[in-house]
Amino acid sequence: MLPRIIAGRVPSAIPILHRLACMLELHPNAWWLIESELDDGNSLEDALEMVVDLSRKIRGGR
């Protein structure tokens, strides 16, 4: 069930992705970028890795 929720097939994906972004100390609205990566066919692991790397670059390598 969780992969279908995260893949956006169930309406409750946004709160889950929002919470995940907050847990990873990303911007709370980073969920839309994670969702976009999933929509492009990337795995959850790849999507999170890309978003975390992008966040680090924006923060100056922290």
Protein backbone atom coordinates (compact mmCIF):
# COMPACT_ATOMS: atom_id res chain seq x y z
CA MET A 1 0.00 0.00 0.00
CA LEU A 2 2.74 2.49 0.91
CA PRO A 3 4.43 2.37 -2.53
CA ARG A 4 1.08 3.16 -4.17
CA ILE A 5 0.52 6.03 -1.74
CA ILE A 6 3.98 7.42 -2.39
CA ALA A 7 3.62 6.96 -6.14
CA GLY A 8 0.70 9.37 -6.02
CA ARG A 9 -2.05 6.86 -6.72
CA VAL A 10 -3.70 7.52 -3.38
CA PRO A 11 -4.74 11.05 -2.32
CA SER A 12 -2.87 10.85 0.99
CA ALA A 13 0.59 10.96 -0.68
CA ILE A 14 1.11 14.68 -0.07
CA PRO A 15 0.95 14.53 3.76
CA ILE A 16 3.31 11.53 3.77
CA LEU A 17 5.81 13.24 1.47
CA HIS A 18 5.51 16.48 3.47
CA ARG A 19 6.27 14.62 6.72
CA LEU A 20 9.16 12.80 5.07
CA ALA A 21 10.65 16.10 3.87
CA CYS A 22 10.38 17.53 7.39
CA MET A 23 11.96 14.43 8.95
CA LEU A 24 14.91 14.82 6.59
CA GLU A 25 15.17 18.48 7.64
CA LEU A 26 14.34 19.65 4.12
CA HIS A 27 12.13 22.59 3.33
CA PRO A 28 8.55 21.56 4.21
CA ASN A 29 7.50 22.13 0.60
CA ALA A 30 10.19 19.80 -0.77
CA TRP A 31 7.46 17.16 -1.01
CA TRP A 32 6.48 18.46 -4.44
CA LEU A 33 10.00 17.86 -5.75
CA ILE A 34 10.00 14.33 -4.33
CA GLU A 35 6.60 13.74 -5.93
CA SER A 36 7.85 15.12 -9.25
CA GLU A 37 10.82 12.75 -9.21
CA LEU A 38 8.50 9.81 -8.49
CA ASP A 39 6.23 10.90 -11.33
CA ASP A 40 9.27 10.84 -13.62
CA GLY A 41 9.66 7.15 -12.82
CA ASN A 42 12.47 7.35 -10.28
CA SER A 43 12.50 5.12 -7.23
CA LEU A 44 11.79 6.62 -3.82
CA GLU A 45 15.43 6.10 -2.86
CA ASP A 46 16.68 7.93 -5.97
CA ALA A 47 14.15 10.72 -5.52
CA LEU A 48 15.15 11.28 -1.87
CA GLU A 49 18.85 11.16 -2.71
CA MET A 50 18.40 13.80 -5.41
CA VAL A 51 16.35 16.08 -3.14
CA VAL A 52 18.78 15.74 -0.21
CA ASP A 53 21.76 16.45 -2.49
CA LEU A 54 20.01 19.49 -3.92
CA SER A 55 19.19 20.71 -0.44
CA ARG A 56 22.83 20.39 0.62
CA LYS A 57 23.97 22.37 -2.43
CA ILE A 58 21.47 25.11 -1.68
CA ARG A 59 22.60 25.26 1.97
CA GLY A 60 26.22 25.54 0.92
CA GLY A 61 27.41 21.99 1.47
CA ARG A 62 26.22 21.50 5.04
